[in-house]
Amino acid sequence: MPLKSENLLTLQELEDYEILHIVDVALAMKRNPQAYSKSLEGKTLAMIFQKPSTRTRVSFEIAMHQLGGYALYLRWDDLQLGRGEAIKDTARVLARYVDAVMARVLKQTDLDEYAKWSPIPVINGLSDKWHPCQILGDLLTIREVKGFLKGLKLAYVGDGNNVCNTLLIGCSKVGVNISVACPKGYEPLPKAVEWAYLNAEKSGAKIKILSDPEEAVKDADIVYTDVFVSMGFEAEREKRLKDFLPKYQVDARLMSMARKDAVFMHCLPAKRGEEVTDDVLDSPQSIVLEQAENRLHSQKALLYIMLGRG
């Protein structure tokens, strides 16, 4: 089943059934990887990195290898982009060589410009506004651990960043209730909230944007956080830590307010002792390693479907 949208830039462009299809295919691939081992034979993915990465680079590179294709790692400053070549020129040239592009960039506007000129699929590997591949892996993980998605409650505590923005989209699309707790001035993008409420009209998901983490976490099935100081905000570190700590730290006391069988999620890398304590991150409730692994499986499914095989 091909996707309606050729590109994946925000996650909003995917329909609810398309997200669920990606999750279903990912589960099938995880259970029987050999059945798909030659499905992208002869296909090449260009991976453009403007920001450093562990999980995004490794998962996409291994995904293409396991599907029989090839992944080409390209640093932004190794390309002519780093010397001022117009984005549209790079986009049109690379399309003559490869079958799809994944880009991890500083600015969403650059990615949008790239996609505008690219005649081949473009995947957002992370931008300042959105992180769709992370949330596809997260939804896969929740489905795998809990057995279902619709009707669960996810509490996000911390900075209303790219992960939070995209969680609002992903959860609201598939019927997961989401409560977001952020300090004043760190709320998610208005566009993310607008889309979440729009999606919720169809899915029935409940959306709450709060400032009280205890209210957000109450009776949650999943508690999720991310770093308080993302890449690019290092100059604000001292102020941010003052604004977030200790109120928005996920510790054992805050986790105890969620359901007894609640799980803890974090997209990683984590700043231990800041947004989360060791006793939560390393606890039996933590599924962060499963979450990291599932980036591989969800991206295999995404590539398989986007390149016309699924």
C-alpha atoms as a PDB file:
ATOM      1  CA  MET A   1       0.000   0.000   0.000  1.00  0.00           C
ATOM      2  CA  PRO A   2       1.832   3.150  -1.187  1.00  0.00           C
ATOM      3  CA  LEU A   3       1.604   6.260   0.965  1.00  0.00           C
ATOM      4  CA  LYS A   4      -0.495   9.198  -0.244  1.00  0.00           C
ATOM      5  CA  SER A   5       2.402  11.567   0.372  1.00  0.00           C
ATOM      6  CA  GLU A   6       5.715  11.008  -1.367  1.00  0.00           C
ATOM      7  CA  ASN A   7       7.589  12.718   1.496  1.00  0.00           C
ATOM      8  CA  LEU A   8       7.668  12.384   5.280  1.00  0.00           C
ATOM      9  CA  LEU A   9       8.381  15.836   6.690  1.00  0.00           C
ATOM     10  CA  THR A  10       6.194  16.281   9.798  1.00  0.00           C
ATOM     11  CA  LEU A  11       4.058  13.091  10.235  1.00  0.00           C
ATOM     12  CA  GLN A  12       0.893  15.147   9.701  1.00  0.00           C
ATOM     13  CA  GLU A  13       0.979  14.165   6.018  1.00  0.00           C
ATOM     14  CA  LEU A  14       0.320  10.504   6.920  1.00  0.00           C
ATOM     15  CA  GLU A  15      -3.218   9.223   7.436  1.00  0.00           C
ATOM     16  CA  ASP A  16      -4.005   7.249  10.584  1.00  0.00           C
ATOM     17  CA  TYR A  17      -4.299   3.982   8.645  1.00  0.00           C
ATOM     18  CA  GLU A  18      -0.933   4.641   6.977  1.00  0.00           C
ATOM     19  CA  ILE A  19       0.764   5.021  10.365  1.00  0.00           C
ATOM     20  CA  LEU A  20      -0.868   1.801  11.565  1.00  0.00           C
ATOM     21  CA  HIS A  21       0.197   0.051   8.357  1.00  0.00           C
ATOM     22  CA  ILE A  22       3.815   1.090   8.947  1.00  0.00           C
ATOM     23  CA  VAL A  23       3.564  -0.302  12.495  1.00  0.00           C
ATOM     24  CA  ASP A  24       2.078  -3.577  11.212  1.00  0.00           C
ATOM     25  CA  VAL A  25       4.782  -3.998   8.556  1.00  0.00           C
ATOM     26  CA  ALA A  26       7.485  -3.163  11.104  1.00  0.00           C
ATOM     27  CA  LEU A  27       6.200  -5.867  13.448  1.00  0.00           C
ATOM     28  CA  ALA A  28       6.184  -8.385  10.595  1.00  0.00           C
ATOM     29  CA  MET A  29       9.731  -7.415   9.630  1.00  0.00           C
ATOM     30  CA  LYS A  30      10.932  -7.679  13.202  1.00  0.00           C
ATOM     31  CA  ARG A  31       9.471 -11.185  13.527  1.00  0.00           C
ATOM     32  CA  ASN A  32      10.741 -12.441  10.166  1.00  0.00           C
ATOM     33  CA  PRO A  33      13.546 -10.219   8.835  1.00  0.00           C
ATOM     34  CA  GLN A  34      14.771 -12.763   6.299  1.00  0.00           C
ATOM     35  CA  ALA A  35      11.500 -12.541   4.376  1.00  0.00           C
ATOM     36  CA  TYR A  36      12.401  -8.956   3.432  1.00  0.00           C
ATOM     37  CA  SER A  37      16.169  -9.285   3.030  1.00  0.00           C
ATOM     38  CA  LYS A  38      16.200  -8.544  -0.729  1.00  0.00           C
ATOM     39  CA  SER A  39      13.184  -6.266  -0.939  1.00  0.00           C
ATOM     40  CA  LEU A  40      15.189  -3.092  -1.657  1.00  0.00           C
ATOM     41  CA  GLU A  41      17.922  -4.694  -3.715  1.00  0.00           C
ATOM     42  CA  GLY A  42      19.365  -2.107  -6.104  1.00  0.00           C
ATOM     43  CA  LYS A  43      17.934   0.845  -4.131  1.00  0.00           C
ATOM     44  CA  THR A  44      20.099   3.596  -2.640  1.00  0.00           C
ATOM     45  CA  LEU A  45      19.311   6.008   0.194  1.00  0.00           C
ATOM     46  CA  ALA A  46      21.323   9.227   0.544  1.00  0.00           C
ATOM     47  CA  MET A  47      21.622  10.276   4.211  1.00  0.00           C
ATOM     48  CA  ILE A  48      22.438  13.966   4.682  1.00  0.00           C
ATOM     49  CA  PHE A  49      23.575  14.968   8.172  1.00  0.00           C
ATOM     50  CA  GLN A  50      23.855  18.556   9.350  1.00  0.00           C
ATOM     51  CA  LYS A  51      23.662  17.428  13.003  1.00  0.00           C
ATOM     52  CA  PRO A  52      25.490  14.518  14.689  1.00  0.00           C
ATOM     53  CA  SER A  53      23.611  11.306  15.319  1.00  0.00           C
ATOM     54  CA  THR A  54      23.836   7.825  16.811  1.00  0.00           C
ATOM     55  CA  ARG A  55      20.412   6.196  16.468  1.00  0.00           C
ATOM     56  CA  THR A  56      19.292   7.933  13.274  1.00  0.00           C
ATOM     57  CA  ARG A  57      22.443   7.177  11.310  1.00  0.00           C
ATOM     58  CA  VAL A  58      22.926   3.610  12.520  1.00  0.00           C
ATOM     59  CA  SER A  59      19.262   2.621  12.213  1.00  0.00           C
ATOM     60  CA  PHE A  60      18.844   3.961   8.666  1.00  0.00           C
ATOM     61  CA  GLU A  61      22.166   2.554   7.475  1.00  0.00           C
ATOM     62  CA  ILE A  62      21.459  -0.893   8.915  1.00  0.00           C
ATOM     63  CA  ALA A  63      17.858  -0.739   7.668  1.00  0.00           C
ATOM     64  CA  MET A  64      18.987  -0.340   4.064  1.00  0.00           C
ATOM     65  CA  HIS A  65      21.628  -3.059   4.485  1.00  0.00           C
ATOM     66  CA  GLN A  66      19.122  -5.530   5.939  1.00  0.00           C
ATOM     67  CA  LEU A  67      16.690  -4.836   3.084  1.00  0.00           C
ATOM     68  CA  GLY A  68      19.380  -5.439   0.468  1.00  0.00           C
ATOM     69  CA  GLY A  69      19.886  -1.792  -0.447  1.00  0.00           C
ATOM     70  CA  TYR A  70      22.691   0.708   0.117  1.00  0.00           C
ATOM     71  CA  ALA A  71      22.924   3.792   2.342  1.00  0.00           C
ATOM     72  CA  LEU A  72      25.265   6.652   1.504  1.00  0.00           C
ATOM     73  CA  TYR A  73      26.395   8.862   4.424  1.00  0.00           C
ATOM     74  CA  LEU A  74      26.826  12.537   3.447  1.00  0.00           C
ATOM     75  CA  ARG A  75      27.849  15.280   5.849  1.00  0.00           C
ATOM     76  CA  TRP A  76      26.336  18.663   5.039  1.00  0.00           C
ATOM     77  CA  ASP A  77      29.748  20.327   5.147  1.00  0.00           C
ATOM     78  CA  ASP A  78      31.257  17.625   2.913  1.00  0.00           C
ATOM     79  CA  LEU A  79      28.714  18.481   0.232  1.00  0.00           C
ATOM     80  CA  GLN A  80      28.680  21.644  -1.849  1.00  0.00           C
ATOM     81  CA  LEU A  81      25.752  22.666   0.387  1.00  0.00           C
ATOM     82  CA  GLY A  82      28.396  23.535   2.959  1.00  0.00           C
ATOM     83  CA  ARG A  83      30.023  25.862   0.451  1.00  0.00           C
ATOM     84  CA  GLY A  84      26.851  27.680  -0.501  1.00  0.00           C
ATOM     85  CA  GLU A  85      25.345  25.606  -3.313  1.00  0.00           C
ATOM     86  CA  ALA A  86      21.614  26.264  -3.632  1.00  0.00           C
ATOM     87  CA  ILE A  87      19.519  23.583  -1.927  1.00  0.00           C
ATOM     88  CA  LYS A  88      17.443  23.140  -5.080  1.00  0.00           C
ATOM     89  CA  ASP A  89      20.559  22.323  -7.104  1.00  0.00           C
ATOM     90  CA  THR A  90      21.726  19.656  -4.658  1.00  0.00           C
ATOM     91  CA  ALA A  91      18.207  18.184  -4.491  1.00  0.00           C
ATOM     92  CA  ARG A  92      17.904  17.867  -8.259  1.00  0.00           C
ATOM     93  CA  VAL A  93      21.408  16.472  -8.731  1.00  0.00           C
ATOM     94  CA  LEU A  94      21.182  13.837  -5.988  1.00  0.00           C
ATOM     95  CA  ALA A  95      17.904  12.642  -7.492  1.00  0.00           C
ATOM     96  CA  ARG A  96      19.903  11.565 -10.559  1.00  0.00           C
ATOM     97  CA  TYR A  97      21.971   9.219  -8.364  1.00  0.00           C
ATOM     98  CA  VAL A  98      19.779   7.845  -5.574  1.00  0.00           C
ATOM     99  CA  ASP A  99      16.217   6.637  -4.933  1.00  0.00           C
ATOM    100  CA  ALA A 100      15.414   8.541  -1.721  1.00  0.00           C
ATOM    101  CA  VAL A 101      16.940  11.057   0.678  1.00  0.00           C
ATOM    102  CA  MET A 102      16.892  11.174   4.472  1.00  0.00           C
ATOM    103  CA  ALA A 103      18.099  14.460   5.959  1.00  0.00           C
ATOM    104  CA  ARG A 104      18.852  15.431   9.563  1.00  0.00           C
ATOM    105  CA  VAL A 105      18.940  19.217   9.550  1.00  0.00           C
ATOM    106  CA  LEU A 106      19.092  22.289  11.737  1.00  0.00           C
ATOM    107  CA  LYS A 107      16.150  24.099  10.143  1.00  0.00           C
ATOM    108  CA  GLN A 108      12.839  22.693   8.950  1.00  0.00           C
ATOM    109  CA  THR A 109      12.724  25.451   6.337  1.00  0.00           C
ATOM    110  CA  ASP A 110      15.818  23.964   4.654  1.00  0.00           C
ATOM    111  CA  LEU A 111      14.179  20.540   4.565  1.00  0.00           C
ATOM    112  CA  ASP A 112      10.974  21.984   3.134  1.00  0.00           C
ATOM    113  CA  GLU A 113      13.007  23.743   0.452  1.00  0.00           C
ATOM    114  CA  TYR A 114      14.838  20.510  -0.353  1.00  0.00           C
ATOM    115  CA  ALA A 115      11.567  18.570  -0.653  1.00  0.00           C
ATOM    116  CA  LYS A 116      10.078  21.278  -2.876  1.00  0.00           C
ATOM    117  CA  TRP A 117      12.747  20.640  -5.498  1.00  0.00           C
ATOM    118  CA  SER A 118      13.329  16.920  -5.023  1.00  0.00           C
ATOM    119  CA  PRO A 119      11.668  14.556  -7.536  1.00  0.00           C
ATOM    120  CA  ILE A 120      12.388  11.604  -5.204  1.00  0.00           C
ATOM    121  CA  PRO A 121      11.095  10.901  -1.664  1.00  0.00           C
ATOM    122  CA  VAL A 122      12.491  12.994   1.183  1.00  0.00           C
ATOM    123  CA  ILE A 123      12.418  11.805   4.811  1.00  0.00           C
ATOM    124  CA  ASN A 124      12.870  14.079   7.818  1.00  0.00           C
ATOM    125  CA  GLY A 125      15.493  12.386  10.021  1.00  0.00           C
ATOM    126  CA  LEU A 126      15.122  15.273  12.516  1.00  0.00           C
ATOM    127  CA  SER A 127      14.703  19.036  12.310  1.00  0.00           C
ATOM    128  CA  ASP A 128      14.233  21.833  14.798  1.00  0.00           C
ATOM    129  CA  LYS A 129      10.447  21.441  14.540  1.00  0.00           C
ATOM    130  CA  TRP A 130       9.630  17.756  13.915  1.00  0.00           C
ATOM    131  CA  HIS A 131      10.965  14.213  14.411  1.00  0.00           C
ATOM    132  CA  PRO A 132       8.548  11.883  12.584  1.00  0.00           C
ATOM    133  CA  CYS A 133      10.819   8.823  12.393  1.00  0.00           C
ATOM    134  CA  GLN A 134      11.246   8.860  16.171  1.00  0.00           C
ATOM    135  CA  ILE A 135       7.515   8.865  16.762  1.00  0.00           C
ATOM    136  CA  LEU A 136       6.879   6.042  14.273  1.00  0.00           C
ATOM    137  CA  GLY A 137       9.322   3.966  16.308  1.00  0.00           C
ATOM    138  CA  ASP A 138       7.653   5.083  19.532  1.00  0.00           C
ATOM    139  CA  LEU A 139       4.190   4.051  18.359  1.00  0.00           C
ATOM    140  CA  LEU A 140       5.608   0.687  17.290  1.00  0.00           C
ATOM    141  CA  THR A 141       7.124   0.258  20.755  1.00  0.00           C
ATOM    142  CA  ILE A 142       3.908   1.161  22.573  1.00  0.00           C
ATOM    143  CA  ARG A 143       1.910  -1.206  20.363  1.00  0.00           C
ATOM    144  CA  GLU A 144       4.424  -3.994  20.985  1.00  0.00           C
ATOM    145  CA  VAL A 145       4.551  -3.507  24.766  1.00  0.00           C
ATOM    146  CA  LYS A 146       0.909  -2.681  25.464  1.00  0.00           C
ATOM    147  CA  GLY A 147      -0.694  -4.701  22.668  1.00  0.00           C
ATOM    148  CA  PHE A 148      -2.771  -1.782  21.347  1.00  0.00           C
ATOM    149  CA  LEU A 149      -2.735   2.010  20.942  1.00  0.00           C
ATOM    150  CA  LYS A 150      -6.217   3.508  20.931  1.00  0.00           C
ATOM    151  CA  GLY A 151      -7.378   4.666  24.357  1.00  0.00           C
ATOM    152  CA  LEU A 152      -3.997   4.607  26.089  1.00  0.00           C
ATOM    153  CA  LYS A 153      -2.760   7.742  27.846  1.00  0.00           C
ATOM    154  CA  LEU A 154       0.702   9.161  27.194  1.00  0.00           C
ATOM    155  CA  ALA A 155       2.076  11.914  29.438  1.00  0.00           C
ATOM    156  CA  TYR A 156       4.904  14.018  28.045  1.00  0.00           C
ATOM    157  CA  VAL A 157       6.812  16.065  30.622  1.00  0.00           C
ATOM    158  CA  GLY A 158       9.430  18.662  29.732  1.00  0.00           C
ATOM    159  CA  ASP A 159      10.374  20.836  26.780  1.00  0.00           C
ATOM    160  CA  GLY A 160       7.813  21.324  24.005  1.00  0.00           C
ATOM    161  CA  ASN A 161      10.418  20.466  21.387  1.00  0.00           C
ATOM    162  CA  ASN A 162      10.454  18.602  18.066  1.00  0.00           C
ATOM    163  CA  VAL A 163       9.742  15.257  19.766  1.00  0.00           C
ATOM    164  CA  CYS A 164       6.830  16.703  21.737  1.00  0.00           C
ATOM    165  CA  ASN A 165       5.435  18.409  18.616  1.00  0.00           C
ATOM    166  CA  THR A 166       5.449  15.171  16.671  1.00  0.00           C
ATOM    167  CA  LEU A 167       4.125  13.071  19.546  1.00  0.00           C
ATOM    168  CA  LEU A 168       1.085  15.347  19.532  1.00  0.00           C
ATOM    169  CA  ILE A 169       0.536  14.498  15.878  1.00  0.00           C
ATOM    170  CA  GLY A 170       1.236  10.771  16.156  1.00  0.00           C
ATOM    171  CA  CYS A 171      -0.841  10.182  19.275  1.00  0.00           C
ATOM    172  CA  SER A 172      -3.787  12.234  18.051  1.00  0.00           C
ATOM    173  CA  LYS A 173      -3.776  10.416  14.703  1.00  0.00           C
ATOM    174  CA  VAL A 174      -4.062   6.912  16.201  1.00  0.00           C
ATOM    175  CA  GLY A 175      -6.269   7.663  19.209  1.00  0.00           C
ATOM    176  CA  VAL A 176      -3.708   7.780  22.013  1.00  0.00           C
ATOM    177  CA  ASN A 177      -4.690  10.374  24.632  1.00  0.00           C
ATOM    178  CA  ILE A 178      -1.813  12.767  25.290  1.00  0.00           C
ATOM    179  CA  SER A 179      -1.197  15.207  28.136  1.00  0.00           C
ATOM    180  CA  VAL A 180       1.760  17.562  27.750  1.00  0.00           C
ATOM    181  CA  ALA A 181       3.243  19.406  30.746  1.00  0.00           C
ATOM    182  CA  CYS A 182       5.725  22.207  30.002  1.00  0.00           C
ATOM    183  CA  PRO A 183       6.888  25.322  31.850  1.00  0.00           C
ATOM    184  CA  LYS A 184       5.530  28.627  30.579  1.00  0.00           C
ATOM    185  CA  GLY A 185       7.455  29.686  27.503  1.00  0.00           C
ATOM    186  CA  TYR A 186       8.401  26.125  26.524  1.00  0.00           C
ATOM    187  CA  GLU A 187       5.064  24.939  25.145  1.00  0.00           C
ATOM    188  CA  PRO A 188       4.827  22.938  21.894  1.00  0.00           C
ATOM    189  CA  LEU A 189       4.351  24.697  18.568  1.00  0.00           C
ATOM    190  CA  PRO A 190       0.868  26.189  18.104  1.00  0.00           C
ATOM    191  CA  LYS A 191       0.717  24.387  14.738  1.00  0.00           C
ATOM    192  CA  ALA A 192       1.366  21.032  16.460  1.00  0.00           C
ATOM    193  CA  VAL A 193      -1.426  21.703  18.959  1.00  0.00           C
ATOM    194  CA  GLU A 194      -3.759  22.851  16.178  1.00  0.00           C
ATOM    195  CA  TRP A 195      -3.116  19.691  14.166  1.00  0.00           C
ATOM    196  CA  ALA A 196      -3.511  17.508  17.273  1.00  0.00           C
ATOM    197  CA  TYR A 197      -6.964  18.889  18.037  1.00  0.00           C
ATOM    198  CA  LEU A 198      -7.932  18.531  14.380  1.00  0.00           C
ATOM    199  CA  ASN A 199      -6.778  14.899  14.312  1.00  0.00           C
ATOM    200  CA  ALA A 200      -8.524  14.197  17.621  1.00  0.00           C
ATOM    201  CA  GLU A 201     -11.886  15.133  16.108  1.00  0.00           C
ATOM    202  CA  LYS A 202     -11.541  12.018  13.957  1.00  0.00           C
ATOM    203  CA  SER A 203      -9.710   9.637  16.319  1.00  0.00           C
ATOM    204  CA  GLY A 204     -11.398  10.574  19.592  1.00  0.00           C
ATOM    205  CA  ALA A 205      -8.068  11.203  21.331  1.00  0.00           C
ATOM    206  CA  LYS A 206      -8.030  13.582  24.298  1.00  0.00           C
ATOM    207  CA  ILE A 207      -5.454  16.368  24.117  1.00  0.00           C
ATOM    208  CA  LYS A 208      -4.317  18.399  27.125  1.00  0.00           C
ATOM    209  CA  ILE A 209      -1.623  21.096  27.267  1.00  0.00           C
ATOM    210  CA  LEU A 210      -0.756  21.730  30.907  1.00  0.00           C
ATOM    211  CA  SER A 211       1.889  23.239  33.146  1.00  0.00           C
ATOM    212  CA  ASP A 212       1.529  20.753  36.033  1.00  0.00           C
ATOM    213  CA  PRO A 213       3.503  17.512  35.470  1.00  0.00           C
ATOM    214  CA  GLU A 214       1.636  15.707  38.266  1.00  0.00           C
ATOM    215  CA  GLU A 215      -1.690  16.393  36.590  1.00  0.00           C
ATOM    216  CA  ALA A 216      -0.304  15.217  33.256  1.00  0.00           C
ATOM    217  CA  VAL A 217       1.151  11.984  34.650  1.00  0.00           C
ATOM    218  CA  LYS A 218      -1.875  10.962  36.721  1.00  0.00           C
ATOM    219  CA  ASP A 219      -3.170   7.587  35.497  1.00  0.00           C
ATOM    220  CA  ALA A 220      -0.829   7.624  32.477  1.00  0.00           C
ATOM    221  CA  ASP A 221       0.073   4.383  30.717  1.00  0.00           C
ATOM    222  CA  ILE A 222       3.253   5.898  29.300  1.00  0.00           C
ATOM    223  CA  VAL A 223       5.459   8.636  30.752  1.00  0.00           C
ATOM    224  CA  TYR A 224       7.771  10.271  28.215  1.00  0.00           C
ATOM    225  CA  THR A 225      10.457  12.935  28.504  1.00  0.00           C
ATOM    226  CA  ASP A 226      13.355  14.381  26.519  1.00  0.00           C
ATOM    227  CA  VAL A 227      16.378  16.550  27.235  1.00  0.00           C
ATOM    228  CA  PHE A 228      15.787  20.052  28.566  1.00  0.00           C
ATOM    229  CA  VAL A 229      18.682  21.454  26.503  1.00  0.00           C
ATOM    230  CA  SER A 230      18.502  20.270  22.894  1.00  0.00           C
ATOM    231  CA  MET A 231      21.279  20.753  20.338  1.00  0.00           C
ATOM    232  CA  GLY A 232      21.412  24.393  19.368  1.00  0.00           C
ATOM    233  CA  PHE A 233      20.217  25.635  22.764  1.00  0.00           C
ATOM    234  CA  GLU A 234      23.471  25.215  24.697  1.00  0.00           C
ATOM    235  CA  ALA A 235      23.716  28.969  25.306  1.00  0.00           C
ATOM    236  CA  GLU A 236      20.418  28.765  27.241  1.00  0.00           C
ATOM    237  CA  ARG A 237      21.517  25.830  29.389  1.00  0.00           C
ATOM    238  CA  GLU A 238      21.728  27.623  32.738  1.00  0.00           C
ATOM    239  CA  LYS A 239      18.364  29.351  32.312  1.00  0.00           C
ATOM    240  CA  ARG A 240      16.655  26.224  31.043  1.00  0.00           C
ATOM    241  CA  LEU A 241      17.824  24.078  33.946  1.00  0.00           C
ATOM    242  CA  LYS A 242      16.574  26.724  36.351  1.00  0.00           C
ATOM    243  CA  ASP A 243      13.181  26.779  34.616  1.00  0.00           C
ATOM    244  CA  PHE A 244      12.802  22.985  34.446  1.00  0.00           C
ATOM    245  CA  LEU A 245      14.379  21.700  37.659  1.00  0.00           C
ATOM    246  CA  PRO A 246      13.281  20.165  39.889  1.00  0.00           C
ATOM    247  CA  LYS A 247       9.584  20.359  38.947  1.00  0.00           C
ATOM    248  CA  TYR A 248       9.766  18.727  35.509  1.00  0.00           C
ATOM    249  CA  GLN A 249      12.259  15.983  36.299  1.00  0.00           C
ATOM    250  CA  VAL A 250      10.846  12.477  35.909  1.00  0.00           C
ATOM    251  CA  ASP A 251      11.831  10.704  39.124  1.00  0.00           C
ATOM    252  CA  ALA A 252      10.407   7.752  41.049  1.00  0.00           C
ATOM    253  CA  ARG A 253       7.919   9.995  42.864  1.00  0.00           C
ATOM    254  CA  LEU A 254       6.477  11.354  39.613  1.00  0.00           C
ATOM    255  CA  MET A 255       6.401   7.895  38.017  1.00  0.00           C
ATOM    256  CA  SER A 256       4.435   6.596  41.011  1.00  0.00           C
ATOM    257  CA  MET A 257       1.554   8.883  40.013  1.00  0.00           C
ATOM    258  CA  ALA A 258       1.118   7.004  36.737  1.00  0.00           C
ATOM    259  CA  ARG A 259      -0.581   3.616  36.484  1.00  0.00           C
ATOM    260  CA  LYS A 260       1.143   0.717  38.230  1.00  0.00           C
ATOM    261  CA  ASP A 261       1.948  -0.897  34.880  1.00  0.00           C
ATOM    262  CA  ALA A 262       3.091   2.385  33.287  1.00  0.00           C
ATOM    263  CA  VAL A 263       6.228   2.383  31.160  1.00  0.00           C
ATOM    264  CA  PHE A 264       8.872   5.077  30.819  1.00  0.00           C
ATOM    265  CA  MET A 265      10.078   6.329  27.427  1.00  0.00           C
ATOM    266  CA  HIS A 266      12.871   8.648  26.301  1.00  0.00           C
ATOM    267  CA  CYS A 267      14.100   9.164  22.729  1.00  0.00           C
ATOM    268  CA  LEU A 268      17.746   9.283  23.926  1.00  0.00           C
ATOM    269  CA  PRO A 269      20.380  10.511  24.419  1.00  0.00           C
ATOM    270  CA  ALA A 270      19.444  11.269  28.015  1.00  0.00           C
ATOM    271  CA  LYS A 271      21.051  13.694  30.436  1.00  0.00           C
ATOM    272  CA  ARG A 272      20.957  11.556  33.549  1.00  0.00           C
ATOM    273  CA  GLY A 273      20.112  13.556  36.633  1.00  0.00           C
ATOM    274  CA  GLU A 274      18.431  16.318  34.636  1.00  0.00           C
ATOM    275  CA  GLU A 275      15.186  15.369  32.853  1.00  0.00           C
ATOM    276  CA  VAL A 276      15.245  11.855  34.338  1.00  0.00           C
ATOM    277  CA  THR A 277      16.869  10.130  37.298  1.00  0.00           C
ATOM    278  CA  ASP A 278      18.915   6.944  37.044  1.00  0.00           C
ATOM    279  CA  ASP A 279      16.434   4.951  39.101  1.00  0.00           C
ATOM    280  CA  VAL A 280      13.725   5.608  36.474  1.00  0.00           C
ATOM    281  CA  LEU A 281      15.882   5.326  33.360  1.00  0.00           C
ATOM    282  CA  ASP A 282      17.346   2.002  34.505  1.00  0.00           C
ATOM    283  CA  SER A 283      14.179   0.645  36.118  1.00  0.00           C
ATOM    284  CA  PRO A 284      12.085  -2.342  34.952  1.00  0.00           C
ATOM    285  CA  GLN A 285       9.483   0.228  33.821  1.00  0.00           C
ATOM    286  CA  SER A 286      11.926   1.741  31.348  1.00  0.00           C
ATOM    287  CA  ILE A 287      11.570   0.620  27.738  1.00  0.00           C
ATOM    288  CA  VAL A 288      14.090   3.054  26.260  1.00  0.00           C
ATOM    289  CA  LEU A 289      16.275   0.302  24.772  1.00  0.00           C
ATOM    290  CA  GLU A 290      13.319  -1.360  23.065  1.00  0.00           C
ATOM    291  CA  GLN A 291      12.344   2.104  21.863  1.00  0.00           C
ATOM    292  CA  ALA A 292      15.819   2.717  20.405  1.00  0.00           C
ATOM    293  CA  GLU A 293      15.885  -0.698  18.709  1.00  0.00           C
ATOM    294  CA  ASN A 294      12.489  -0.122  17.131  1.00  0.00           C
ATOM    295  CA  ARG A 295      13.826   2.873  15.224  1.00  0.00           C
ATOM    296  CA  LEU A 296      15.452   0.240  13.015  1.00  0.00           C
ATOM    297  CA  HIS A 297      12.286  -1.767  12.424  1.00  0.00           C
ATOM    298  CA  SER A 298       9.951   1.185  11.862  1.00  0.00           C
ATOM    299  CA  GLN A 299      12.392   2.761   9.409  1.00  0.00           C
ATOM    300  CA  LYS A 300      12.771  -0.518   7.538  1.00  0.00           C
ATOM    301  CA  ALA A 301       8.994  -0.570   7.158  1.00  0.00           C
ATOM    302  CA  LEU A 302       8.894   3.083   6.107  1.00  0.00           C
ATOM    303  CA  LEU A 303      11.592   2.614   3.447  1.00  0.00           C
ATOM    304  CA  TYR A 304       9.981  -0.591   2.199  1.00  0.00           C
ATOM    305  CA  ILE A 305       6.623   1.159   1.778  1.00  0.00           C
ATOM    306  CA  MET A 306       7.934   4.488   0.475  1.00  0.00           C
ATOM    307  CA  LEU A 307      10.056   2.869  -2.200  1.00  0.00           C
ATOM    308  CA  GLY A 308       7.029   1.108  -3.580  1.00  0.00           C
ATOM    309  CA  ARG A 309       7.332  -2.437  -2.270  1.00  0.00           C
ATOM    310  CA  GLY A 310       4.842  -2.423   0.613  1.00  0.00           C
END
